[in-house]
Amino acid sequence: MTETPNPNIVDTDSLTGEMHPIRRVVVALGSNLGERLASLQGAVDALRDTPDFFVTGVSPVYETEPVDSPDGAGPFLNAVVLADTTLPAARLMERALAIEDAFERERSDVRNAPRTLDVDLIVVGDRRSNEDFLRLPHPRAHERAFVLQPWHDLEPDAVFPERGPIADLLGETDASGVRKREDLVLEVE
């Protein structure tokens, strides 16, 4: 049985004595190519199987119109995963990229090109990063209803760092292309 850690404590490595703060993580998932739901479920499973990463919630699935994508891009399935972790943000980013690669995500120079799987770190505790490899908090998530709506379903009183309550941010975004799919469910075992 997996126990959710207390976010107010610090985990200590039993071998080195190194202390690791437990951070709240928000991860956004998206897919608009191939078996979209299977890709999202695979990402949830891979995150759940990540050592020192404790999934605490998975949002409902939403079908969304692509935003800033090339012509002909199909609709996305999107969801948000909440977790507690002691892993450093850079290691989480490496894990996110490895999960995308496992689902044959093809990277191109075309911005917002269709993809089999997108795994985005939105927030990792209070961590800030403006490196090319890792931008935290995610620089555009506060403008994206396909991130804010599923996150709001899980944590209606959550606050986006430096931007404010996600409920307020959601009210300022165009959510017309975001539709909850009651018939699709992501499982967490």
Foldseek 3Di string as FASTA:
>chain_A
DDDADDQVDWDADPPPRDIFHKWKWKKKKKAQDDPQLVLVLLVLVLQCPDPQKHWDDKFFWKWFDQDPEDPPGGIMIMIMIIIIGRDDPLVVLVSQVVSQVVQVFDDDPGPSYHTGMHIDTQATHPDADDDPSDGPNPPCLLQDLSRLVRVCRVPVQDARPPPGGSVVSNVVYDCVRIGGDPPRDHDDD
